[in-house]
Amino acid sequence: MPNIVAGNLRAIGVASARRMTTLPEVPTLMEQGLPDFEAFAWQGLSVHSSTPPEEIKRLNGALQAALNSTPVKTRFLALGVEAVPGTPEQMSAFAKAERARWGKLIKDIDLKLE
């Protein structure tokens, strides 16, 4: 994002399903004729499966508070990062869907780690 803002790079498309709020003038790759093209880096927090539900709730509350804080929002905006706050259940479902999606692709094209 800093290089785009500085004019060193020109964004020609975003690979997310919707336009980025930080680059609203840049169309998605789907808008440009690549149907169903969605790929982006994402991060999430995880804990051991034995973590008590009340601790997960506490950690998620702290994470949501951080993501909604002005300093984090300001830093993310400068980096072109868009947070997607949610519940632990939403994150679990998302991660499961991503594993299935990319796992299928890896098998379909017989991708090997070298």
C-alpha atoms as a PDB file:
ATOM      1  CA  MET A   1       0.000   0.000   0.000  1.00  0.00           C
ATOM      2  CA  PRO A   2       2.752   2.537   0.769  1.00  0.00           C
ATOM      3  CA  ASN A   3       4.206   2.032  -2.728  1.00  0.00           C
ATOM      4  CA  ILE A   4       0.787   2.408  -4.342  1.00  0.00           C
ATOM      5  CA  VAL A   5       0.107   5.596  -2.391  1.00  0.00           C
ATOM      6  CA  ALA A   6       3.587   6.916  -3.296  1.00  0.00           C
ATOM      7  CA  GLY A   7       2.954   6.250  -6.993  1.00  0.00           C
ATOM      8  CA  ASN A   8       5.712   3.639  -7.299  1.00  0.00           C
ATOM      9  CA  LEU A   9       3.217   0.885  -8.130  1.00  0.00           C
ATOM     10  CA  ARG A  10      -0.128   0.934  -9.901  1.00  0.00           C
ATOM     11  CA  ALA A  11      -2.773  -1.463  -8.654  1.00  0.00           C
ATOM     12  CA  ILE A  12      -4.611  -3.087 -11.560  1.00  0.00           C
ATOM     13  CA  GLY A  13      -6.775  -5.549  -9.645  1.00  0.00           C
ATOM     14  CA  VAL A  14      -7.495  -7.114  -6.302  1.00  0.00           C
ATOM     15  CA  ALA A  15      -7.970 -10.836  -5.836  1.00  0.00           C
ATOM     16  CA  SER A  16     -10.581 -10.550  -3.102  1.00  0.00           C
ATOM     17  CA  ALA A  17     -14.274 -11.111  -3.751  1.00  0.00           C
ATOM     18  CA  ARG A  18     -15.073  -7.435  -3.272  1.00  0.00           C
ATOM     19  CA  ARG A  19     -13.207  -4.198  -3.810  1.00  0.00           C
ATOM     20  CA  MET A  20     -11.000  -3.035  -0.998  1.00  0.00           C
ATOM     21  CA  THR A  21     -12.233  -0.047   0.961  1.00  0.00           C
ATOM     22  CA  THR A  22      -8.692   1.340   0.817  1.00  0.00           C
ATOM     23  CA  LEU A  23      -8.577   1.008  -3.003  1.00  0.00           C
ATOM     24  CA  PRO A  24     -12.192   1.463  -4.084  1.00  0.00           C
ATOM     25  CA  GLU A  25     -11.224   2.453  -7.636  1.00  0.00           C
ATOM     26  CA  VAL A  26      -9.348  -0.820  -8.238  1.00  0.00           C
ATOM     27  CA  PRO A  27     -11.635  -3.530  -9.640  1.00  0.00           C
ATOM     28  CA  THR A  28     -11.595  -7.131  -8.519  1.00  0.00           C
ATOM     29  CA  LEU A  29     -10.198  -9.783 -10.830  1.00  0.00           C
ATOM     30  CA  MET A  30     -13.709 -11.238 -11.021  1.00  0.00           C
ATOM     31  CA  GLU A  31     -14.965  -7.889 -12.337  1.00  0.00           C
ATOM     32  CA  GLN A  32     -12.233  -8.099 -14.966  1.00  0.00           C
ATOM     33  CA  GLY A  33     -13.400 -11.435 -16.359  1.00  0.00           C
ATOM     34  CA  LEU A  34     -11.871 -14.077 -14.113  1.00  0.00           C
ATOM     35  CA  PRO A  35     -15.003 -15.751 -12.723  1.00  0.00           C
ATOM     36  CA  ASP A  36     -14.768 -17.214  -9.243  1.00  0.00           C
ATOM     37  CA  PHE A  37     -11.196 -15.929  -8.820  1.00  0.00           C
ATOM     38  CA  GLU A  38     -10.590 -15.216  -5.189  1.00  0.00           C
ATOM     39  CA  ALA A  39      -7.254 -15.608  -3.463  1.00  0.00           C
ATOM     40  CA  PHE A  40      -5.778 -13.552  -0.684  1.00  0.00           C
ATOM     41  CA  ALA A  41      -3.523 -13.849   2.308  1.00  0.00           C
ATOM     42  CA  TRP A  42      -5.364 -14.215   5.557  1.00  0.00           C
ATOM     43  CA  GLN A  43      -4.372 -14.617   9.162  1.00  0.00           C
ATOM     44  CA  GLY A  44      -6.175 -15.922  12.168  1.00  0.00           C
ATOM     45  CA  LEU A  45      -5.458 -16.857  15.727  1.00  0.00           C
ATOM     46  CA  SER A  46      -5.683 -20.392  16.974  1.00  0.00           C
ATOM     47  CA  VAL A  47      -5.426 -22.126  20.312  1.00  0.00           C
ATOM     48  CA  HIS A  48      -5.022 -25.715  21.376  1.00  0.00           C
ATOM     49  CA  SER A  49      -8.212 -27.763  21.086  1.00  0.00           C
ATOM     50  CA  SER A  50      -8.238 -28.288  24.869  1.00  0.00           C
ATOM     51  CA  THR A  51      -8.546 -24.551  25.549  1.00  0.00           C
ATOM     52  CA  PRO A  52     -11.631 -23.943  27.718  1.00  0.00           C
ATOM     53  CA  PRO A  53     -14.533 -22.146  25.977  1.00  0.00           C
ATOM     54  CA  GLU A  54     -14.465 -19.296  28.488  1.00  0.00           C
ATOM     55  CA  GLU A  55     -10.788 -18.659  27.678  1.00  0.00           C
ATOM     56  CA  ILE A  56     -11.547 -18.694  23.936  1.00  0.00           C
ATOM     57  CA  LYS A  57     -14.341 -16.190  24.559  1.00  0.00           C
ATOM     58  CA  ARG A  58     -11.999 -13.956  26.560  1.00  0.00           C
ATOM     59  CA  LEU A  59      -9.264 -14.094  23.910  1.00  0.00           C
ATOM     60  CA  ASN A  60     -11.736 -13.393  21.118  1.00  0.00           C
ATOM     61  CA  GLY A  61     -13.088 -10.402  23.037  1.00  0.00           C
ATOM     62  CA  ALA A  62      -9.573  -9.012  23.394  1.00  0.00           C
ATOM     63  CA  LEU A  63      -8.908  -9.594  19.692  1.00  0.00           C
ATOM     64  CA  GLN A  64     -12.139  -7.878  18.642  1.00  0.00           C
ATOM     65  CA  ALA A  65     -11.324  -4.918  20.910  1.00  0.00           C
ATOM     66  CA  ALA A  66      -7.864  -4.641  19.357  1.00  0.00           C
ATOM     67  CA  LEU A  67      -9.200  -4.870  15.798  1.00  0.00           C
ATOM     68  CA  ASN A  68     -11.696  -2.115  16.581  1.00  0.00           C
ATOM     69  CA  SER A  69      -9.144   0.163  18.261  1.00  0.00           C
ATOM     70  CA  THR A  70      -8.068   3.353  16.533  1.00  0.00           C
ATOM     71  CA  PRO A  71      -4.321   2.531  16.536  1.00  0.00           C
ATOM     72  CA  VAL A  72      -4.859  -0.877  14.897  1.00  0.00           C
ATOM     73  CA  LYS A  73      -7.365   0.486  12.388  1.00  0.00           C
ATOM     74  CA  THR A  74      -4.959   3.299  11.497  1.00  0.00           C
ATOM     75  CA  ARG A  75      -2.023   0.923  11.043  1.00  0.00           C
ATOM     76  CA  PHE A  76      -4.067  -1.542   8.993  1.00  0.00           C
ATOM     77  CA  LEU A  77      -5.321   1.286   6.782  1.00  0.00           C
ATOM     78  CA  ALA A  78      -1.728   2.393   6.107  1.00  0.00           C
ATOM     79  CA  LEU A  79      -0.792  -1.172   5.164  1.00  0.00           C
ATOM     80  CA  GLY A  80      -3.892  -1.809   3.063  1.00  0.00           C
ATOM     81  CA  VAL A  81      -5.036  -4.553   5.420  1.00  0.00           C
ATOM     82  CA  GLU A  82      -8.729  -5.097   6.012  1.00  0.00           C
ATOM     83  CA  ALA A  83      -9.690  -6.870   9.206  1.00  0.00           C
ATOM     84  CA  VAL A  84     -12.670  -9.189   9.172  1.00  0.00           C
ATOM     85  CA  PRO A  85     -13.730  -9.494  12.796  1.00  0.00           C
ATOM     86  CA  GLY A  86     -15.837 -12.495  13.669  1.00  0.00           C
ATOM     87  CA  THR A  87     -16.550 -15.305  16.050  1.00  0.00           C
ATOM     88  CA  PRO A  88     -14.382 -18.347  16.705  1.00  0.00           C
ATOM     89  CA  GLU A  89     -17.045 -20.420  14.943  1.00  0.00           C
ATOM     90  CA  GLN A  90     -16.852 -18.233  11.839  1.00  0.00           C
ATOM     91  CA  MET A  91     -13.067 -18.517  11.789  1.00  0.00           C
ATOM     92  CA  SER A  92     -13.237 -22.274  12.175  1.00  0.00           C
ATOM     93  CA  ALA A  93     -15.715 -22.592   9.313  1.00  0.00           C
ATOM     94  CA  PHE A  94     -13.626 -20.289   7.122  1.00  0.00           C
ATOM     95  CA  ALA A  95     -10.396 -22.200   7.799  1.00  0.00           C
ATOM     96  CA  LYS A  96     -12.139 -25.509   7.094  1.00  0.00           C
ATOM     97  CA  ALA A  97     -13.472 -24.199   3.775  1.00  0.00           C
ATOM     98  CA  GLU A  98     -10.027 -22.863   2.805  1.00  0.00           C
ATOM     99  CA  ARG A  99      -8.371 -26.223   3.598  1.00  0.00           C
ATOM    100  CA  ALA A 100     -10.934 -28.010   1.445  1.00  0.00           C
ATOM    101  CA  ARG A 101     -10.629 -25.515  -1.416  1.00  0.00           C
ATOM    102  CA  TRP A 102      -6.857 -25.351  -1.603  1.00  0.00           C
ATOM    103  CA  GLY A 103      -6.413 -29.025  -0.701  1.00  0.00           C
ATOM    104  CA  LYS A 104      -8.551 -29.996  -3.689  1.00  0.00           C
ATOM    105  CA  LEU A 105      -6.555 -27.739  -5.991  1.00  0.00           C
ATOM    106  CA  ILE A 106      -3.263 -29.128  -4.708  1.00  0.00           C
ATOM    107  CA  LYS A 107      -4.477 -32.673  -5.383  1.00  0.00           C
ATOM    108  CA  ASP A 108      -6.026 -31.810  -8.748  1.00  0.00           C
ATOM    109  CA  ILE A 109      -2.802 -30.363 -10.119  1.00  0.00           C
ATOM    110  CA  ASP A 110      -0.602 -32.857  -8.243  1.00  0.00           C
ATOM    111  CA  LEU A 111       1.414 -30.071  -6.616  1.00  0.00           C
ATOM    112  CA  LYS A 112       4.528 -31.321  -4.843  1.00  0.00           C
ATOM    113  CA  LEU A 113       6.722 -29.518  -2.355  1.00  0.00           C
ATOM    114  CA  GLU A 114      10.347 -29.394  -3.496  1.00  0.00           C
END
